[in-house]
């Protein structure tokens, strides 16, 4: 059971790393890119930065909640599968942010 708990902990840390990376991208897009490119319209980058920051916060919060649920399930000798709706929502959100970033790069 110890190995299972450690694997769950590593998974939770992966959620946090992903969230922190999204936060860093948000700062880069929302604050740094507009400063570097003074001729570009600022609001699309600020909006994208905010989107990535919110995505990062969601990943950290979701990963923490998921880690607790999985740990509780392991304690009871079971398993707690990821609800497809949550995985789908996070995946779609990430794809939308990626596509909007592509648009900003092409036309920004």
N, C-alpha and C. Protein backbone atom coordinates (compact mmCIF):
# COMPACT_ATOMS: atom_id res chain seq x y z
N UNK A 1 0.83 -1.19 0.00
CA UNK A 1 0.00 0.00 0.00
C UNK A 1 0.87 1.26 0.00
N UNK A 2 2.07 1.16 0.58
CA UNK A 2 2.95 2.32 0.64
C UNK A 2 3.33 2.80 -0.76
N UNK A 3 3.62 1.86 -1.66
CA UNK A 3 3.97 2.24 -3.03
C UNK A 3 2.80 2.91 -3.74
N UNK A 4 1.60 2.43 -3.47
CA UNK A 4 0.41 3.02 -4.07
C UNK A 4 0.22 4.45 -3.58
N UNK A 5 0.42 4.66 -2.30
CA UNK A 5 0.29 6.02 -1.73
C UNK A 5 1.35 6.96 -2.31
N UNK A 6 2.57 6.46 -2.45
CA UNK A 6 3.63 7.29 -3.03
C UNK A 6 3.35 7.62 -4.50
N UNK A 7 2.79 6.67 -5.21
CA UNK A 7 2.42 6.92 -6.61
C UNK A 7 1.34 7.99 -6.68
N UNK A 8 0.37 7.93 -5.76
CA UNK A 8 -0.67 8.96 -5.71
C UNK A 8 -0.09 10.32 -5.39
N UNK A 9 0.89 10.34 -4.50
CA UNK A 9 1.53 11.60 -4.15
C UNK A 9 2.28 12.19 -5.35
N UNK A 10 2.98 11.34 -6.10
CA UNK A 10 3.68 11.82 -7.30
C UNK A 10 2.70 12.35 -8.32
N UNK A 11 1.55 11.71 -8.43
CA UNK A 11 0.53 12.18 -9.36
C UNK A 11 0.00 13.54 -8.94
N UNK A 12 -0.24 13.72 -7.65
CA UNK A 12 -0.70 15.01 -7.15
C UNK A 12 0.35 16.08 -7.43
N UNK A 13 1.61 15.78 -7.24
CA UNK A 13 2.66 16.75 -7.53
C UNK A 13 2.72 17.07 -9.03
N UNK A 14 2.39 16.11 -9.87
CA UNK A 14 2.35 16.38 -11.31
C UNK A 14 1.23 17.37 -11.65
N UNK A 15 0.07 17.23 -10.98
CA UNK A 15 -1.00 18.20 -11.17
C UNK A 15 -0.51 19.60 -10.77
N UNK A 16 0.19 19.66 -9.65
CA UNK A 16 0.69 20.96 -9.16
C UNK A 16 1.72 21.54 -10.13
N UNK A 17 2.63 20.70 -10.63
CA UNK A 17 3.63 21.19 -11.60
C UNK A 17 2.97 21.73 -12.85
N UNK A 18 1.96 21.03 -13.32
CA UNK A 18 1.23 21.51 -14.49
C UNK A 18 0.57 22.84 -14.19
N UNK A 19 -0.05 22.96 -13.02
CA UNK A 19 -0.68 24.22 -12.63
C UNK A 19 0.31 25.35 -12.53
N UNK A 20 1.46 25.10 -11.92
CA UNK A 20 2.48 26.14 -11.79
C UNK A 20 3.04 26.55 -13.15
N UNK A 21 3.18 25.60 -14.05
CA UNK A 21 3.63 25.91 -15.40
C UNK A 21 2.62 26.79 -16.12
N UNK A 22 1.34 26.46 -15.98
CA UNK A 22 0.29 27.28 -16.60
C UNK A 22 0.29 28.69 -16.01
N UNK A 23 0.54 28.81 -14.71
CA UNK A 23 0.64 30.13 -14.09
C UNK A 23 1.81 30.92 -14.67
N UNK A 24 2.94 30.26 -14.87
CA UNK A 24 4.10 30.93 -15.45
C UNK A 24 3.82 31.38 -16.88
N UNK A 25 3.15 30.54 -17.65
CA UNK A 25 2.77 30.93 -19.01
C UNK A 25 1.83 32.12 -18.97
N UNK A 26 0.91 32.12 -18.01
CA UNK A 26 -0.02 33.23 -17.86
C UNK A 26 0.70 34.54 -17.60
N UNK A 27 1.69 34.51 -16.72
CA UNK A 27 2.47 35.73 -16.44
C UNK A 27 3.22 36.16 -17.70
N UNK A 28 3.81 35.21 -18.39
CA UNK A 28 4.54 35.53 -19.61
C UNK A 28 3.66 36.17 -20.67
N UNK A 29 2.52 35.55 -20.91
CA UNK A 29 1.62 36.07 -21.95
C UNK A 29 0.94 37.37 -21.53
N UNK A 30 0.52 37.43 -20.29
CA UNK A 30 -0.28 38.57 -19.85
C UNK A 30 0.50 39.80 -19.48
N UNK A 31 1.76 39.62 -19.04
CA UNK A 31 2.53 40.77 -18.56
C UNK A 31 3.80 41.02 -19.37
N UNK A 32 4.51 39.96 -19.73
CA UNK A 32 5.81 40.15 -20.37
C UNK A 32 5.69 40.40 -21.86
N UNK A 33 4.90 39.59 -22.56
CA UNK A 33 4.77 39.75 -24.02
C UNK A 33 4.28 41.15 -24.40
N UNK A 34 3.25 41.69 -23.77
CA UNK A 34 2.83 43.06 -24.14
C UNK A 34 3.93 44.10 -23.91
N UNK A 35 4.76 43.91 -22.91
CA UNK A 35 5.86 44.85 -22.65
C UNK A 35 6.94 44.76 -23.73
N UNK A 36 7.17 43.57 -24.25
CA UNK A 36 8.20 43.38 -25.27
C UNK A 36 7.76 43.84 -26.64
N UNK A 37 6.48 43.77 -26.90
CA UNK A 37 5.95 44.13 -28.22
C UNK A 37 4.99 45.31 -28.06
N UNK A 38 5.53 46.50 -28.04
CA UNK A 38 4.72 47.69 -27.77
C UNK A 38 3.73 48.01 -28.89
N UNK A 39 3.98 47.51 -30.10
CA UNK A 39 3.09 47.81 -31.21
C UNK A 39 1.86 46.90 -31.24
N UNK A 40 1.90 45.81 -30.48
CA UNK A 40 0.78 44.85 -30.49
C UNK A 40 -0.35 45.35 -29.60
N UNK A 41 -1.55 44.92 -29.91
CA UNK A 41 -2.70 45.18 -29.05
C UNK A 41 -2.52 44.37 -27.78
N UNK A 42 -2.69 45.02 -26.65
CA UNK A 42 -2.36 44.39 -25.37
C UNK A 42 -3.43 43.43 -24.86
N UNK A 43 -4.71 43.75 -25.04
CA UNK A 43 -5.77 43.00 -24.36
C UNK A 43 -5.83 41.52 -24.71
N UNK A 44 -5.54 41.10 -25.97
CA UNK A 44 -5.61 39.65 -26.21
C UNK A 44 -4.59 38.86 -25.37
N UNK A 45 -3.42 39.43 -25.19
CA UNK A 45 -2.40 38.75 -24.40
C UNK A 45 -2.76 38.74 -22.92
N UNK A 46 -3.32 39.84 -22.45
CA UNK A 46 -3.76 39.89 -21.06
C UNK A 46 -4.88 38.86 -20.83
N UNK A 47 -5.81 38.77 -21.76
CA UNK A 47 -6.91 37.81 -21.64
C UNK A 47 -6.36 36.37 -21.66
N UNK A 48 -5.42 36.09 -22.56
CA UNK A 48 -4.83 34.75 -22.60
C UNK A 48 -4.05 34.46 -21.32
N UNK A 49 -3.32 35.45 -20.83
CA UNK A 49 -2.59 35.27 -19.58
C UNK A 49 -3.52 34.96 -18.43
N UNK A 50 -4.63 35.66 -18.38
CA UNK A 50 -5.62 35.40 -17.34
C UNK A 50 -6.20 33.99 -17.49
N UNK A 51 -6.47 33.59 -18.72
CA UNK A 51 -6.98 32.24 -18.98
C UNK A 51 -6.01 31.17 -18.50
N UNK A 52 -4.72 31.34 -18.81
CA UNK A 52 -3.73 30.36 -18.35
C UNK A 52 -3.59 30.37 -16.83
N UNK A 53 -3.67 31.56 -16.23
CA UNK A 53 -3.58 31.64 -14.77
C UNK A 53 -4.76 30.92 -14.11
N UNK A 54 -5.95 31.12 -14.64
CA UNK A 54 -7.13 30.43 -14.10
C UNK A 54 -7.02 28.92 -14.31
N UNK A 55 -6.51 28.53 -15.47
CA UNK A 55 -6.31 27.11 -15.76
C UNK A 55 -5.31 26.51 -14.76
N UNK A 56 -4.24 27.25 -14.49
CA UNK A 56 -3.25 26.78 -13.53
C UNK A 56 -3.83 26.62 -12.13
N UNK A 57 -4.61 27.60 -11.72
CA UNK A 57 -5.25 27.52 -10.40
C UNK A 57 -6.20 26.32 -10.34
N UNK A 58 -6.93 26.09 -11.43
CA UNK A 58 -7.85 24.96 -11.48
C UNK A 58 -7.09 23.63 -11.40
N UNK A 59 -5.96 23.54 -12.07
CA UNK A 59 -5.16 22.31 -12.03
C UNK A 59 -4.65 22.03 -10.62
N UNK A 60 -4.19 23.07 -9.93
CA UNK A 60 -3.68 22.88 -8.57
C UNK A 60 -4.82 22.47 -7.64
N UNK A 61 -5.95 23.16 -7.73
CA UNK A 61 -7.10 22.84 -6.87
C UNK A 61 -7.64 21.45 -7.18
N UNK A 62 -7.79 21.14 -8.47
CA UNK A 62 -8.32 19.84 -8.85
C UNK A 62 -7.37 18.72 -8.45
N UNK A 63 -6.07 18.92 -8.65
CA UNK A 63 -5.09 17.91 -8.28
C UNK A 63 -5.08 17.63 -6.79
N UNK A 64 -5.25 18.68 -5.99
CA UNK A 64 -5.29 18.52 -4.55
C UNK A 64 -6.53 17.73 -4.13
N UNK A 65 -7.69 18.12 -4.67
CA UNK A 65 -8.93 17.42 -4.34
C UNK A 65 -8.87 15.97 -4.82
N UNK A 66 -8.35 15.76 -6.00
CA UNK A 66 -8.25 14.40 -6.54
C UNK A 66 -7.31 13.55 -5.68
N UNK A 67 -6.19 14.13 -5.28
CA UNK A 67 -5.25 13.41 -4.43
C UNK A 67 -5.88 12.95 -3.13
N UNK A 68 -6.70 13.80 -2.54
CA UNK A 68 -7.38 13.43 -1.29
C UNK A 68 -8.38 12.30 -1.53
N UNK A 69 -9.14 12.41 -2.63
CA UNK A 69 -10.13 11.36 -2.92
C UNK A 69 -9.46 10.02 -3.18
N UNK A 70 -8.38 10.03 -3.92
CA UNK A 70 -7.68 8.78 -4.23
C UNK A 70 -7.07 8.20 -2.96
N UNK A 71 -6.50 9.05 -2.12
CA UNK A 71 -5.92 8.57 -0.87
C UNK A 71 -6.98 7.95 0.03
N UNK A 72 -8.13 8.57 0.11
CA UNK A 72 -9.24 8.00 0.89
C UNK A 72 -9.67 6.65 0.33
N UNK A 73 -9.74 6.56 -1.00
CA UNK A 73 -10.14 5.29 -1.62
C UNK A 73 -9.11 4.20 -1.34
N UNK A 74 -7.83 4.54 -1.41
CA UNK A 74 -6.77 3.56 -1.14
C UNK A 74 -6.85 3.09 0.31
N UNK A 75 -7.15 4.02 1.22
CA UNK A 75 -7.29 3.65 2.63
C UNK A 75 -8.39 2.60 2.81
N UNK A 76 -9.47 2.72 2.04
CA UNK A 76 -10.58 1.77 2.13
C UNK A 76 -10.33 0.52 1.27
N UNK A 77 -9.20 0.48 0.59
CA UNK A 77 -8.88 -0.68 -0.23
C UNK A 77 -9.47 -0.62 -1.62
N UNK A 78 -9.88 0.54 -2.06
CA UNK A 78 -10.49 0.67 -3.38
C UNK A 78 -9.70 1.59 -4.29
N UNK A 79 -10.39 2.06 -5.31
CA UNK A 79 -9.80 2.96 -6.29
C UNK A 79 -10.83 3.99 -6.68
N UNK A 80 -10.42 5.16 -6.94
CA UNK A 80 -11.33 6.23 -7.37
C UNK A 80 -10.92 6.68 -8.76
N UNK A 81 -11.71 6.32 -9.76
CA UNK A 81 -11.41 6.70 -11.13
C UNK A 81 -11.69 8.18 -11.36
N UNK A 82 -10.98 8.76 -12.28
CA UNK A 82 -11.20 10.15 -12.67
C UNK A 82 -12.51 10.24 -13.43
N UNK A 83 -13.38 11.12 -12.99
CA UNK A 83 -14.66 11.30 -13.69
C UNK A 83 -14.39 11.85 -15.09
N UNK A 84 -14.91 11.19 -16.13
CA UNK A 84 -14.64 11.62 -17.50
C UNK A 84 -15.00 13.09 -17.76
N UNK A 85 -16.05 13.59 -17.11
CA UNK A 85 -16.46 14.97 -17.36
C UNK A 85 -15.37 15.94 -16.93
N UNK A 86 -14.71 15.69 -15.79
CA UNK A 86 -13.65 16.59 -15.31
C UNK A 86 -12.42 16.51 -16.19
N UNK A 87 -12.02 15.30 -16.53
CA UNK A 87 -10.88 15.14 -17.43
C UNK A 87 -11.15 15.79 -18.77
N UNK A 88 -12.36 15.62 -19.27
CA UNK A 88 -12.72 16.23 -20.55
C UNK A 88 -12.73 17.74 -20.49
N UNK A 89 -13.27 18.28 -19.40
CA UNK A 89 -13.31 19.74 -19.27
C UNK A 89 -11.91 20.35 -19.19
N UNK A 90 -11.03 19.71 -18.44
CA UNK A 90 -9.66 20.21 -18.35
C UNK A 90 -8.94 20.08 -19.69
N UNK A 91 -9.16 18.98 -20.39
CA UNK A 91 -8.52 18.80 -21.68
C UNK A 91 -9.03 19.81 -22.70
N UNK A 92 -10.33 20.01 -22.76
CA UNK A 92 -10.91 20.98 -23.70
C UNK A 92 -10.42 22.38 -23.38
N UNK A 93 -10.36 22.72 -22.09
CA UNK A 93 -9.86 24.04 -21.70
C UNK A 93 -8.42 24.24 -22.17
N UNK A 94 -7.60 23.23 -22.00
CA UNK A 94 -6.21 23.32 -22.44
C UNK A 94 -6.09 23.46 -23.95
N UNK A 95 -6.90 22.72 -24.68
CA UNK A 95 -6.87 22.81 -26.15
C UNK A 95 -7.34 24.19 -26.61
N UNK A 96 -8.39 24.71 -25.99
CA UNK A 96 -8.88 26.04 -26.35
C UNK A 96 -7.81 27.10 -26.09
N UNK A 97 -7.16 27.03 -24.93
CA UNK A 97 -6.09 27.98 -24.64
C UNK A 97 -4.94 27.85 -25.64
N UNK A 98 -4.61 26.63 -26.02
CA UNK A 98 -3.54 26.42 -27.00
C UNK A 98 -3.92 27.01 -28.36
N UNK A 99 -5.15 26.79 -28.79
CA UNK A 99 -5.58 27.33 -30.08
C UNK A 99 -5.63 28.86 -30.07
N UNK A 100 -6.11 29.43 -28.97
CA UNK A 100 -6.13 30.89 -28.86
C UNK A 100 -4.72 31.47 -28.84
N UNK A 101 -3.79 30.74 -28.24
CA UNK A 101 -2.40 31.18 -28.26
C UNK A 101 -1.85 31.16 -29.68
N UNK A 102 -2.20 30.13 -30.43
CA UNK A 102 -1.78 30.07 -31.84
C UNK A 102 -2.33 31.26 -32.63
N UNK A 103 -3.56 31.60 -32.40
CA UNK A 103 -4.17 32.75 -33.07
C UNK A 103 -3.44 34.03 -32.69
N UNK A 104 -3.12 34.18 -31.40
CA UNK A 104 -2.41 35.38 -30.95
C UNK A 104 -1.01 35.46 -31.57
N UNK A 105 -0.36 34.32 -31.72
CA UNK A 105 0.97 34.31 -32.34
C UNK A 105 0.87 34.67 -33.82
N UNK A 106 -0.12 34.12 -34.51
CA UNK A 106 -0.25 34.37 -35.95
C UNK A 106 -0.68 35.80 -36.27
N UNK A 107 -1.58 36.34 -35.47
CA UNK A 107 -2.16 37.64 -35.82
C UNK A 107 -1.82 38.76 -34.86
N UNK A 108 -1.04 38.46 -33.80
CA UNK A 108 -0.73 39.45 -32.77
C UNK A 108 0.36 40.40 -33.10
